[in-house]
C-alpha atoms as a PDB file:
ATOM      1  CA  MET A   1      12.257  -8.820  25.761  1.00  0.00           C
ATOM      2  CA  ARG A   2       9.871  -7.468  27.401  1.00  0.00           C
ATOM      3  CA  ARG A   3       7.697  -4.071  25.628  1.00  0.00           C
ATOM      4  CA  HIS A   4       5.663  -1.268  26.558  1.00  0.00           C
ATOM      5  CA  ILE A   5       2.379  -0.939  25.517  1.00  0.00           C
ATOM      6  CA  ARG A   6      -0.046   1.790  26.776  1.00  0.00           C
ATOM      7  CA  TRP A   7      -0.131   0.995  30.327  1.00  0.00           C
ATOM      8  CA  LYS A   8       1.098  -2.508  30.656  1.00  0.00           C
ATOM      9  CA  GLU A   9       3.639  -4.926  30.116  1.00  0.00           C
ATOM     10  CA  ILE A  10       4.226  -7.653  28.352  1.00  0.00           C
ATOM     11  CA  ASP A  11       6.878 -10.637  27.055  1.00  0.00           C
ATOM     12  CA  VAL A  12       7.526 -10.732  23.338  1.00  0.00           C
ATOM     13  CA  ALA A  13       9.018 -13.538  22.124  1.00  0.00           C
ATOM     14  CA  ARG A  14      11.507 -13.017  19.199  1.00  0.00           C
ATOM     15  CA  TYR A  15      10.129 -15.655  16.233  1.00  0.00           C
ATOM     16  CA  TYR A  16      11.624 -16.167  12.497  1.00  0.00           C
ATOM     17  CA  PHE A  17      10.105 -17.114   9.730  1.00  0.00           C
ATOM     18  CA  ASP A  18      12.107 -18.689   6.474  1.00  0.00           C
ATOM     19  CA  VAL A  19      10.255 -19.302   4.018  1.00  0.00           C
ATOM     20  CA  HIS A  20      10.408 -21.700   1.013  1.00  0.00           C
ATOM     21  CA  ASP A  21      10.546 -21.063  -2.052  1.00  0.00           C
ATOM     22  CA  GLY A  22      10.196 -23.561  -4.628  1.00  0.00           C
ATOM     23  CA  ALA A  23      14.097 -26.020  -3.993  1.00  0.00           C
ATOM     24  CA  GLN A  24      15.315 -22.703  -1.764  1.00  0.00           C
ATOM     25  CA  LEU A  25      15.087 -21.454   1.781  1.00  0.00           C
ATOM     26  CA  VAL A  26      15.291 -18.066   2.466  1.00  0.00           C
ATOM     27  CA  ARG A  27      16.339 -17.168   5.740  1.00  0.00           C
ATOM     28  CA  ASP A  28      14.466 -14.400   8.279  1.00  0.00           C
ATOM     29  CA  GLU A  29      16.914 -13.193   9.047  1.00  0.00           C
ATOM     30  CA  ASP A  30      15.750 -10.149  11.232  1.00  0.00           C
ATOM     31  CA  GLY A  31      12.513 -11.660  13.052  1.00  0.00           C
ATOM     32  CA  SER A  32       9.194  -9.899  14.731  1.00  0.00           C
ATOM     33  CA  ASP A  33       7.703 -10.284  17.830  1.00  0.00           C
ATOM     34  CA  PHE A  34       5.031 -11.932  19.408  1.00  0.00           C
ATOM     35  CA  GLU A  35       3.993 -12.366  22.336  1.00  0.00           C
ATOM     36  CA  SER A  36       2.999 -16.171  21.982  1.00  0.00           C
ATOM     37  CA  ALA A  37       4.216 -19.180  20.420  1.00  0.00           C
ATOM     38  CA  ASP A  38      -0.137 -19.007  18.844  1.00  0.00           C
ATOM     39  CA  ALA A  39       0.686 -15.762  18.178  1.00  0.00           C
ATOM     40  CA  ALA A  40       3.789 -16.647  16.257  1.00  0.00           C
ATOM     41  CA  VAL A  41       2.125 -19.069  14.295  1.00  0.00           C
ATOM     42  CA  GLN A  42      -1.149 -17.122  13.021  1.00  0.00           C
ATOM     43  CA  ALA A  43       1.018 -14.245  11.220  1.00  0.00           C
ATOM     44  CA  ALA A  44       3.147 -17.119   9.502  1.00  0.00           C
ATOM     45  CA  ALA A  45      -0.429 -18.291   8.666  1.00  0.00           C
ATOM     46  CA  ARG A  46      -1.492 -15.623   7.373  1.00  0.00           C
ATOM     47  CA  SER A  47       2.037 -14.311   5.262  1.00  0.00           C
ATOM     48  CA  ALA A  48       1.544 -18.262   3.813  1.00  0.00           C
ATOM     49  CA  ALA A  49      -2.247 -17.139   2.317  1.00  0.00           C
ATOM     50  CA  GLU A  50      -1.018 -14.064   1.015  1.00  0.00           C
ATOM     51  CA  ILE A  51       2.147 -15.665   0.102  1.00  0.00           C
ATOM     52  CA  GLY A  52      -0.232 -18.473  -2.100  1.00  0.00           C
ATOM     53  CA  GLN A  53      -2.314 -14.967  -3.721  1.00  0.00           C
ATOM     54  CA  GLY A  54       0.607 -14.072  -5.307  1.00  0.00           C
ATOM     55  CA  ARG A  55       1.630 -17.140  -6.328  1.00  0.00           C
ATOM     56  CA  MET A  56      -1.679 -18.187  -7.286  1.00  0.00           C
ATOM     57  CA  ALA A  57      -1.779 -14.560 -10.011  1.00  0.00           C
ATOM     58  CA  ARG A  58       1.006 -15.217 -11.637  1.00  0.00           C
ATOM     59  CA  GLY A  59      -0.075 -18.843 -12.328  1.00  0.00           C
ATOM     60  CA  ASP A  60       2.022 -20.174  -9.553  1.00  0.00           C
ATOM     61  CA  PHE A  61       0.224 -23.659  -7.707  1.00  0.00           C
ATOM     62  CA  SER A  62       2.676 -24.928  -5.053  1.00  0.00           C
ATOM     63  CA  ASP A  63       2.813 -25.673  -1.429  1.00  0.00           C
ATOM     64  CA  VAL A  64       4.071 -22.104   0.333  1.00  0.00           C
ATOM     65  CA  VAL A  65       5.524 -23.400   3.642  1.00  0.00           C
ATOM     66  CA  ILE A  66       7.083 -21.155   6.686  1.00  0.00           C
ATOM     67  CA  ASP A  67       9.549 -22.353   8.843  1.00  0.00           C
ATOM     68  CA  ILE A  68       9.318 -21.038  12.553  1.00  0.00           C
ATOM     69  CA  ARG A  69      12.243 -20.734  14.456  1.00  0.00           C
ATOM     70  CA  ASP A  70      11.792 -19.040  17.927  1.00  0.00           C
ATOM     71  CA  ALA A  71      15.216 -17.221  18.651  1.00  0.00           C
ATOM     72  CA  GLY A  72      17.609 -19.662  20.023  1.00  0.00           C
ATOM     73  CA  ASN A  73      17.163 -21.619  16.294  1.00  0.00           C
ATOM     74  CA  GLN A  74      14.874 -23.491  17.615  1.00  0.00           C
ATOM     75  CA  PRO A  75      12.779 -25.163  15.107  1.00  0.00           C
ATOM     76  CA  ILE A  76       8.633 -24.578  16.114  1.00  0.00           C
ATOM     77  CA  CYS A  77       6.579 -26.270  13.640  1.00  0.00           C
ATOM     78  CA  THR A  78       5.995 -25.818   9.907  1.00  0.00           C
ATOM     79  CA  VAL A  79       2.584 -23.473   8.052  1.00  0.00           C
ATOM     80  CA  THR A  80       1.814 -25.253   4.790  1.00  0.00           C
ATOM     81  CA  ALA A  81      -1.027 -23.665   2.364  1.00  0.00           C
ATOM     82  CA  SER A  82      -2.029 -26.124  -0.367  1.00  0.00           C
ATOM     83  CA  MET A  83      -3.835 -25.134  -3.423  1.00  0.00           C
ATOM     84  CA  LYS A  84      -5.141 -28.300  -5.473  1.00  0.00           C
ATOM     85  CA  ILE A  85      -7.158 -28.153  -7.692  1.00  0.00           C
ATOM     86  CA  ASP A  86      -9.691 -31.194  -8.852  1.00  0.00           C
ATOM     87  CA  TRP A  87     -10.715 -30.858 -12.175  1.00  0.00           C
ATOM     88  CA  GLN A  88     -14.071 -32.896 -13.436  1.00  0.00           C
ATOM     89  CA  PRO A  89     -14.412 -34.834 -16.270  1.00  0.00           C
END
């Protein structure tokens, strides 16, 4: 897919972020367009941090796991954001 940005065309690809919410997997049916797999991974990392921040506000410190797949349904990578608190005696 090509997108026009002002004076130039860039190639973009669609990536999907499937979010693990406890034992449930929430599949991304819409996806988002990115210029590269690296850009998709960076966006997924930001999303994981935002989701984790929301969970922490509710007292939930579980890992945030996002599986990234491409338009061909092939896995690209998994992004995991963790919060660990070690209390000192």
